[in-house]
Amino acid sequence: MDRKIKKKTWTAKRIATILGSGGILYLLLYVFVIADNASKLNVELEKISVSAVTEGPFQEYIPIEGNVQPKTTIRLDAVVGGNVQRRFLEGGVRVSKGDTILRLENRSLELNYISQRTTANRLRNEIENTNNQLQQSLFRTRASVINLDFDIDQAKDRYTRNEQLWKDKVISEQDYLDSKRRYNRLIASRENTLKQMEFDSMNSVTLVNQNKQRLVTSEESMDIVRKQLEDLWVRAPIDGLLSTVNVEIGQSIGQGNTIAQIDDLDGFKIQANVDQHYLPRVYEGLRGTYDFAGKTYGLEIRKKFPEINNGTFVVEMVGEVPEGVRRGQTLSIRLQLSEEKNAIQIPRGSFFQTTGGNWIFVLNEDGTEAVRRQIRIGNQTPRHYEVLEGLQPGERVIFSSYDGYEDKDKLVIKQ
């Protein structure tokens, strides 16, 4: 009788199949769920720079180099030309307003002044002589009129008597007519003498007025020449520092040539070149600061010159300038482009050249890993970036160079 053989439940084939299926399932679970597929790179801690994200006062500024110059510089140009006769002061000394710096000599001006003065004196004499002649002429004319008036009275009496005597047939008609003609002649002579006196007076007055006008012109010319002679004495127009005297004894100086330069020491201005990139954001009244001898001083833009030269434009700043600052000195100025505000910020670093400020590696709490994270950068200073999105105060970031990290999502930090 045949015996029924019981079939085994766990055969070796079945066990192998189950184990194989389970392995495949675990492998799929590990790959898609458990395993970290991020692109990783091991880096050593000493080869990276790490900093904490902070929150605090933030003010955007740019560093510029300013050159100290006198607030006002006076250039002394030769008003008239001449030869340098004498130098009274040398460059580098303080001067007061009115101090004589040098003396020029101009023979032509001196001769011109003598000529103008001689002409003026001659005209004064001519005016005086003409007035004297006029007075003498008037005296003579008045004397003639007095004599004529006397003769006219006598002639009138004779004429009147002869007229009656002729009517009475006592004298001849000829005697009557002679007395009449003599009387009329004296009347006409008196009238002519008065007209001559009036004519001479008018001519004399005209001549005097002409000479007076010529005298005024001559005196004005003489005053001009006198002032030119005074300009041969070159004097300081203000109190200040005589910085240069660019002449030598005997040197011929042409009109308009620069003789000397005086710096007004009452204040300084600072001129600085600013990158053309900031032209729209820089304006008159914008403030800046600089450090000197352990203290911070403020400045303000007084003038902005928008002309671009070699990629920069010029601004002129005024403000606090302490003792010890000298003409030509260079100051490192922080030109403030925004008001101070509270902001999240990170240090500037080479990572920006790779990421453009769009992402950064953020460390975990124990500092063993750094994960790539999207961020948004706002304004910046020479030391910090303002972070608008993506980071919180207290987190730590890597801000050194990201060369070789461009395609990595995670950095494993090796202590």
Protein backbone atom coordinates (compact mmCIF):
# COMPACT_ATOMS: atom_id res chain seq x y z
CA MET A 1 0.00 0.00 0.00
CA ASP A 2 1.41 3.29 -1.01
CA ARG A 3 2.06 5.90 1.76
CA LYS A 4 0.99 9.57 1.08
CA ILE A 5 3.98 11.96 1.27
CA LYS A 6 3.19 15.33 3.00
CA LYS A 7 4.25 18.39 0.94
CA LYS A 8 6.76 20.75 2.69
CA THR A 9 5.54 24.42 3.22
CA TRP A 10 8.94 26.14 3.44
CA THR A 11 11.00 24.89 0.66
CA ALA A 12 14.42 26.25 -0.09
CA LYS A 13 13.19 27.72 -3.35
CA ARG A 14 10.30 29.49 -1.68
CA ILE A 15 12.53 30.89 1.05
CA ALA A 16 14.98 32.14 -1.57
CA THR A 17 12.17 33.78 -3.53
CA ILE A 18 10.81 35.54 -0.43
CA LEU A 19 14.24 36.73 0.63
CA GLY A 20 15.00 38.02 -2.88
CA SER A 21 11.70 39.93 -3.08
CA GLY A 22 12.28 41.44 0.37
CA GLY A 23 15.77 42.55 -0.59
CA ILE A 24 14.52 44.22 -3.72
CA LEU A 25 11.75 45.97 -1.73
CA TYR A 26 14.23 47.19 0.91
CA LEU A 27 16.56 48.39 -1.79
CA LEU A 28 13.77 50.38 -3.41
CA LEU A 29 12.73 51.78 -0.03
CA TYR A 30 16.30 52.81 0.76
CA VAL A 31 16.86 54.44 -2.60
CA PHE A 32 13.62 56.41 -2.69
CA VAL A 33 12.87 56.99 1.00
CA ILE A 34 15.74 56.35 3.36
CA ALA A 35 18.80 57.21 1.27
CA ASP A 36 19.99 60.88 0.94
CA ASN A 37 20.35 61.56 -2.78
CA ALA A 38 21.78 65.05 -2.36
CA SER A 39 25.10 65.74 -4.06
CA LYS A 40 27.65 65.81 -1.25
CA LEU A 41 31.23 66.95 -0.80
CA ASN A 42 33.52 66.45 2.13
CA VAL A 43 35.32 69.63 3.20
CA GLU A 44 37.75 70.34 6.01
CA LEU A 45 36.72 72.94 8.60
CA GLU A 46 40.01 74.83 8.49
CA LYS A 47 39.58 75.44 4.76
CA ILE A 48 36.30 77.34 5.05
CA SER A 49 35.20 80.56 6.79
CA VAL A 50 32.11 80.39 8.97
CA SER A 51 30.15 83.25 10.52
CA ALA A 52 26.91 83.69 12.39
CA VAL A 53 23.96 85.55 10.90
CA THR A 54 23.44 88.71 12.96
CA GLU A 55 20.79 91.40 13.30
CA GLY A 56 21.65 94.99 14.15
CA PRO A 57 22.23 98.53 12.86
CA PHE A 58 22.95 98.60 9.13
CA GLN A 59 23.84 101.55 6.92
CA GLU A 60 24.88 101.27 3.30
CA TYR A 61 28.04 103.21 2.48
CA ILE A 62 30.90 103.18 0.01
CA PRO A 63 34.55 103.94 0.77
CA ILE A 64 36.09 106.82 -1.16
CA GLU A 65 39.43 108.58 -0.93
CA GLY A 66 39.24 112.36 -0.34
CA ASN A 67 41.98 114.90 -0.91
CA VAL A 68 42.14 117.83 1.54
CA GLN A 69 42.23 121.26 -0.12
CA PRO A 70 41.80 124.81 1.21
CA LYS A 71 38.20 125.94 1.26
CA THR A 72 39.23 128.95 -0.83
CA THR A 73 42.36 129.38 -2.92
CA ILE A 74 43.22 132.81 -4.30
CA ARG A 75 45.41 133.01 -7.38
CA LEU A 76 47.32 136.26 -7.70
CA ASP A 77 47.62 137.11 -11.39
CA ALA A 78 49.58 140.08 -12.70
CA VAL A 79 47.11 142.92 -13.32
CA VAL A 80 49.82 144.73 -15.30
CA GLY A 81 53.05 143.41 -16.71
CA GLY A 82 56.51 144.33 -15.55
CA ASN A 83 59.88 143.13 -14.35
CA VAL A 84 60.27 141.73 -10.83
CA GLN A 85 62.15 144.39 -8.88
CA ARG A 86 61.96 142.92 -5.38
CA ARG A 87 60.52 139.94 -3.49
CA PHE A 88 59.39 140.67 0.04
CA LEU A 89 57.99 137.23 1.00
CA GLU A 90 58.70 133.61 0.17
CA GLY A 91 56.22 130.74 -0.22
CA GLY A 92 55.12 128.78 2.83
CA VAL A 93 54.57 131.74 5.19
CA ARG A 94 51.39 133.15 6.68
CA VAL A 95 50.34 136.54 5.38
CA SER A 96 47.84 139.18 6.44
CA LYS A 97 45.60 141.14 4.13
CA GLY A 98 47.59 143.98 2.58
CA ASP A 99 51.06 142.46 3.09
CA THR A 100 53.38 143.26 0.16
CA ILE A 101 54.58 140.12 -1.59
CA LEU A 102 56.66 141.64 -4.40
CA ARG A 103 57.25 144.80 -6.45
CA LEU A 104 57.17 145.02 -10.24
CA GLU A 105 58.74 147.74 -12.36
CA ASN A 106 57.21 149.14 -15.57
CA ARG A 107 59.00 152.18 -17.09
CA SER A 108 56.39 152.63 -19.79
CA LEU A 109 53.64 153.05 -17.20
CA GLU A 110 55.72 155.50 -15.22
CA LEU A 111 56.37 157.66 -18.31
CA ASN A 112 52.69 157.43 -19.25
CA TYR A 113 51.71 158.66 -15.80
CA ILE A 114 54.12 161.60 -16.05
CA SER A 115 52.68 162.46 -19.47
CA GLN A 116 49.10 162.30 -18.20
CA ARG A 117 49.95 164.43 -15.20
CA THR A 118 51.67 167.03 -17.41
CA THR A 119 48.63 167.16 -19.71
CA ALA A 120 46.30 167.62 -16.75
CA ASN A 121 48.42 170.45 -15.34
CA ARG A 122 48.52 172.18 -18.73
CA LEU A 123 44.75 171.98 -19.08
CA ARG A 124 44.29 173.41 -15.59
CA ASN A 125 46.54 176.32 -16.56
CA GLU A 126 44.64 176.85 -19.81
CA ILE A 127 41.33 176.92 -17.96
CA GLU A 128 42.69 179.41 -15.47
CA ASN A 129 44.21 181.60 -18.20
CA THR A 130 41.00 181.54 -20.23
CA ASN A 131 38.98 182.57 -17.19
CA ASN A 132 41.44 185.38 -16.47
CA GLN A 133 41.31 186.57 -20.07
CA LEU A 134 37.53 186.49 -19.98
CA GLN A 135 37.43 188.59 -16.83
CA GLN A 136 39.89 191.09 -18.29
CA SER A 137 37.85 191.28 -21.48
CA LEU A 138 34.69 191.88 -19.49
CA PHE A 139 36.37 194.64 -17.52
CA ARG A 140 37.54 196.35 -20.71
CA THR A 141 34.13 195.98 -22.33
CA ARG A 142 32.35 197.40 -19.30
CA ALA A 143 34.76 200.38 -19.34
CA SER A 144 34.02 200.93 -23.02
CA VAL A 145 30.28 200.81 -22.36
CA ILE A 146 30.66 203.34 -19.54
CA ASN A 147 32.56 205.71 -21.84
CA LEU A 148 30.03 205.16 -24.60
CA ASP A 149 27.14 205.90 -22.26
CA PHE A 150 28.84 209.19 -21.31
CA ASP A 151 29.47 210.11 -24.95
CA ILE A 152 25.90 209.10 -25.87
CA ASP A 153 24.48 211.43 -23.21
CA GLN A 154 26.56 214.32 -24.56
CA ALA A 155 25.67 213.50 -28.18
CA LYS A 156 22.02 213.22 -27.28
CA ASP A 157 22.01 216.64 -25.63
CA ARG A 158 23.74 218.23 -28.63
CA TYR A 159 21.49 216.45 -31.09
CA THR A 160 18.37 217.59 -29.21
CA ARG A 161 19.56 221.21 -29.05
CA ASN A 162 20.69 221.25 -32.69
CA GLU A 163 17.36 219.86 -33.75
CA GLN A 164 15.58 222.83 -32.13
CA LEU A 165 18.14 225.33 -33.37
CA TRP A 166 17.82 223.97 -36.92
CA LYS A 167 14.04 224.34 -36.69
CA ASP A 168 14.58 227.91 -35.48
CA LYS A 169 16.92 228.55 -38.45
CA VAL A 170 19.78 229.30 -36.09
CA ILE A 171 22.16 226.62 -37.40
CA SER A 172 22.55 225.02 -40.73
CA GLU A 173 21.01 221.73 -41.63
CA GLN A 174 24.49 220.23 -41.98
CA ASP A 175 25.32 220.92 -38.32
CA TYR A 176 22.05 219.34 -37.30
CA LEU A 177 22.63 216.22 -39.38
CA ASP A 178 26.21 215.87 -38.10
CA SER A 179 25.01 215.84 -34.48
CA LYS A 180 22.30 213.37 -35.36
CA ARG A 181 24.69 211.00 -37.13
CA ARG A 182 27.18 211.19 -34.24
CA TYR A 183 24.45 210.27 -31.76
CA ASN A 184 23.23 207.32 -33.87
CA ARG A 185 26.81 206.13 -34.35
CA LEU A 186 27.41 206.05 -30.59
CA ILE A 187 24.15 204.12 -30.03
CA ALA A 188 25.17 201.55 -32.68
CA SER A 189 28.69 201.34 -31.23
CA ARG A 190 27.27 200.64 -27.77
CA GLU A 191 25.01 197.88 -29.13
CA ASN A 192 27.94 196.30 -31.05
CA THR A 193 30.18 196.46 -27.97
CA LEU A 194 27.55 194.59 -25.91
CA LYS A 195 27.18 191.94 -28.61
CA GLN A 196 30.97 191.58 -28.80
CA MET A 197 31.09 191.14 -25.03
CA GLU A 198 28.37 188.47 -25.19
CA PHE A 199 30.15 186.66 -28.03
CA ASP A 200 33.51 186.71 -26.27
CA SER A 201 31.90 185.48 -23.07
CA MET A 202 30.19 182.58 -24.87
CA ASN A 203 33.44 181.61 -26.64
CA SER A 204 35.37 181.75 -23.40
CA VAL A 205 32.76 179.65 -21.58
CA THR A 206 32.76 177.09 -24.43
CA LEU A 207 36.56 176.93 -24.39
CA VAL A 208 36.61 176.55 -20.62
CA ASN A 209 33.99 173.77 -20.76
CA GLN A 210 35.95 171.97 -23.46
CA ASN A 211 39.12 172.21 -21.43
CA LYS A 212 37.27 171.04 -18.30
CA GLN A 213 36.00 167.98 -20.18
CA ARG A 214 39.48 167.29 -21.48
CA LEU A 215 40.76 167.73 -17.94
CA VAL A 216 38.21 165.19 -16.61
CA THR A 217 39.26 162.70 -19.29
CA SER A 218 42.92 163.34 -18.58
CA GLU A 219 42.42 162.92 -14.83
CA GLU A 220 40.48 159.69 -15.39
CA SER A 221 43.32 158.40 -17.56
CA MET A 222 45.79 159.50 -14.92
CA ASP A 223 43.79 157.68 -12.22
CA ILE A 224 43.83 154.52 -14.34
CA VAL A 225 47.59 154.78 -14.79
CA ARG A 226 48.00 155.55 -11.07
CA LYS A 227 46.06 152.39 -10.18
CA GLN A 228 48.18 150.42 -12.62
CA LEU A 229 51.27 151.76 -10.88
CA GLU A 230 49.75 150.70 -7.54
CA ASP A 231 49.14 147.25 -9.02
CA LEU A 232 52.88 146.94 -9.51
CA TRP A 233 52.92 146.41 -5.72
CA VAL A 234 51.51 142.87 -5.40
CA ARG A 235 49.75 142.57 -2.04
CA ALA A 236 47.85 139.79 -0.25
CA PRO A 237 44.06 140.21 -0.72
CA ILE A 238 43.21 137.98 2.30
CA ASP A 239 44.74 136.46 5.42
CA GLY A 240 46.11 133.02 4.67
CA LEU A 241 49.04 130.84 3.72
CA LEU A 242 51.24 132.00 0.87
CA SER A 243 51.76 128.62 -0.74
CA THR A 244 53.76 129.58 -3.84
CA VAL A 245 55.63 132.54 -5.35
CA ASN A 246 56.54 131.55 -8.91
CA VAL A 247 58.86 134.43 -9.89
CA GLU A 248 62.51 135.45 -9.67
CA ILE A 249 64.19 138.87 -9.40
CA GLY A 250 64.46 140.49 -12.85
CA GLN A 251 61.96 138.11 -14.43
CA SER A 252 59.57 139.65 -16.93
CA ILE A 253 55.95 139.03 -15.94
CA GLY A 254 53.22 139.40 -18.55
CA GLN A 255 49.75 140.67 -17.77
CA GLY A 256 47.57 137.80 -16.54
CA ASN A 257 50.47 135.55 -15.54
CA THR A 258 50.06 133.81 -12.17
CA ILE A 259 52.44 135.27 -9.62
CA ALA A 260 51.45 133.60 -6.35
CA GLN A 261 48.76 131.58 -4.60
CA ILE A 262 47.20 132.10 -1.17
CA ASP A 263 45.20 129.45 0.71
CA ASP A 264 42.43 130.60 3.04
CA LEU A 265 43.08 128.80 6.32
CA ASP A 266 39.61 129.46 7.76
CA GLY A 267 38.47 126.08 6.47
CA PHE A 268 39.13 123.14 4.18
CA LYS A 269 37.19 121.25 1.54
CA ILE A 270 37.65 117.63 0.48
CA GLN A 271 37.50 116.55 -3.15
CA ALA A 272 36.87 112.89 -3.90
CA ASN A 273 36.32 110.68 -6.95
CA VAL A 274 33.24 108.43 -6.87
CA ASP A 275 32.60 105.48 -9.16
CA GLN A 276 30.17 106.37 -11.97
CA HIS A 277 27.95 103.46 -10.88
CA TYR A 278 26.76 105.61 -7.94
CA LEU A 279 26.06 108.77 -9.95
CA PRO A 280 22.23 108.55 -9.61
CA ARG A 281 22.45 107.95 -5.85
CA VAL A 282 24.86 110.74 -4.95
CA TYR A 283 23.46 114.22 -4.42
CA GLU A 284 24.28 117.52 -2.69
CA GLY A 285 23.69 117.22 1.05
CA LEU A 286 24.62 113.52 1.23
CA ARG A 287 26.72 112.91 4.33
CA GLY A 288 29.85 110.93 5.06
CA THR A 289 32.25 110.25 7.92
CA TYR A 290 35.97 109.69 8.37
CA ASP A 291 38.26 108.78 11.26
CA PHE A 292 41.21 110.92 12.34
CA ALA A 293 43.33 110.66 15.47
CA GLY A 294 40.90 108.24 17.07
CA LYS A 295 37.78 110.33 16.49
CA THR A 296 35.03 110.31 13.86
CA TYR A 297 34.16 113.48 11.95
CA GLY A 298 31.27 114.31 9.65
CA LEU A 299 31.23 115.74 6.11
CA GLU A 300 28.56 116.80 3.65
CA ILE A 301 28.60 117.02 -0.15
CA ARG A 302 28.53 120.71 -1.15
CA LYS A 303 28.97 120.29 -4.89
CA LYS A 304 28.56 117.43 -7.34
CA PHE A 305 30.29 117.55 -10.72
CA PRO A 306 28.48 115.02 -12.96
CA GLU A 307 31.12 114.95 -15.70
CA ILE A 308 32.55 111.43 -16.03
CA ASN A 309 36.32 111.09 -16.34
CA ASN A 310 38.06 107.68 -16.31
CA GLY A 311 34.92 106.06 -14.91
CA THR A 312 34.52 108.44 -11.95
CA PHE A 313 32.93 111.77 -11.12
CA VAL A 314 34.02 114.39 -8.56
CA VAL A 315 32.27 115.56 -5.41
CA GLU A 316 33.29 118.42 -3.12
CA MET A 317 32.64 117.96 0.62
CA VAL A 318 32.81 120.31 3.60
CA GLY A 319 32.43 119.78 7.30
CA GLU A 320 34.49 119.11 10.38
CA VAL A 321 38.23 119.31 9.78
CA PRO A 322 40.27 118.96 13.00
CA GLU A 323 43.64 120.45 13.83
CA GLY A 324 46.44 118.46 12.29
CA VAL A 325 44.84 117.95 8.89
CA ARG A 326 47.02 119.43 6.16
CA ARG A 327 46.56 120.52 2.58
CA GLY A 328 47.04 117.58 0.18
CA GLN A 329 46.36 114.94 2.85
CA THR A 330 44.28 111.89 1.88
CA LEU A 331 41.29 110.86 4.01
CA SER A 332 39.38 107.55 3.87
CA ILE A 333 35.73 108.58 3.79
CA ARG A 334 32.62 106.46 4.28
CA LEU A 335 30.00 107.99 2.01
CA GLN A 336 26.58 107.07 3.40
CA LEU A 337 24.09 106.01 0.72
CA SER A 338 21.19 105.20 3.09
CA GLU A 339 19.86 105.96 6.54
CA GLU A 340 20.76 103.63 9.42
CA LYS A 341 18.24 100.82 9.97
CA ASN A 342 17.93 97.47 11.73
CA ALA A 343 18.67 94.54 9.39
CA ILE A 344 19.74 90.91 9.22
CA GLN A 345 23.26 90.76 7.83
CA ILE A 346 26.16 88.48 6.98
CA PRO A 347 29.82 89.23 6.27
CA ARG A 348 30.95 89.94 2.74
CA GLY A 349 32.84 87.03 1.25
CA SER A 350 34.04 85.31 -1.88
CA PHE A 351 30.90 83.11 -2.01
CA PHE A 352 29.14 86.04 -3.74
CA GLN A 353 31.28 85.63 -6.89
CA THR A 354 29.84 82.13 -7.35
CA THR A 355 26.28 82.50 -6.10
CA GLY A 356 25.55 86.14 -7.01
CA GLY A 357 23.91 86.37 -3.59
CA ASN A 358 21.11 83.98 -4.61
CA TRP A 359 22.07 81.04 -2.33
CA ILE A 360 24.44 80.11 0.48
CA PHE A 361 25.48 77.06 2.55
CA VAL A 362 23.88 77.04 6.02
CA LEU A 363 25.34 74.84 8.79
CA ASN A 364 23.26 72.57 10.98
CA GLU A 365 23.24 72.92 14.76
CA ASP A 366 26.21 70.64 15.45
CA GLY A 367 28.22 72.05 12.54
CA THR A 368 28.73 68.68 10.84
CA GLU A 369 26.86 69.53 7.63
CA ALA A 370 26.04 72.60 5.54
CA VAL A 371 22.98 72.65 3.25
CA ARG A 372 22.45 74.86 0.24
CA ARG A 373 19.66 77.42 0.76
CA GLN A 374 18.09 80.13 -1.41
CA ILE A 375 18.45 83.69 -0.03
CA ARG A 376 17.92 87.27 -1.23
CA ILE A 377 20.54 89.98 -0.72
CA GLY A 378 19.68 93.68 -0.40
CA ASN A 379 22.10 96.59 0.12
CA GLN A 380 25.72 96.10 1.02
CA THR A 381 28.66 97.76 2.71
CA PRO A 382 32.37 97.00 2.33
CA ARG A 383 31.97 94.54 5.22
CA HIS A 384 28.42 93.21 5.20
CA TYR A 385 25.46 92.19 3.04
CA GLU A 386 21.89 92.93 4.05
CA VAL A 387 19.79 89.72 3.96
CA LEU A 388 16.17 90.27 2.93
CA GLU A 389 15.02 86.62 2.81
CA GLY A 390 16.23 83.10 3.64
CA LEU A 391 18.23 83.50 6.87
CA GLN A 392 17.52 84.07 10.54
CA PRO A 393 19.76 85.59 13.24
CA GLY A 394 21.86 82.98 15.01
CA GLU A 395 22.22 80.66 12.02
CA ARG A 396 25.72 80.02 10.74
CA VAL A 397 26.80 80.29 7.11
CA ILE A 398 29.90 79.63 5.03
CA PHE A 399 31.01 82.89 3.38
CA SER A 400 34.38 81.88 1.93
CA SER A 401 35.01 80.88 -1.70
CA TYR A 402 32.64 78.33 -3.29
CA ASP A 403 35.03 77.17 -6.00
CA GLY A 404 34.19 73.55 -6.65
CA TYR A 405 30.90 73.75 -4.70
CA GLU A 406 28.75 75.05 -7.57
CA ASP A 407 26.90 71.76 -8.17
CA LYS A 408 26.81 70.55 -4.56
CA ASP A 409 23.71 70.53 -2.36
CA LYS A 410 25.41 69.54 0.90
CA LEU A 411 28.84 69.86 2.43
CA VAL A 412 30.02 67.36 5.02
CA ILE A 413 32.27 69.18 7.46
CA LYS A 414 35.31 67.27 8.65
CA GLN A 415 36.57 68.49 11.99
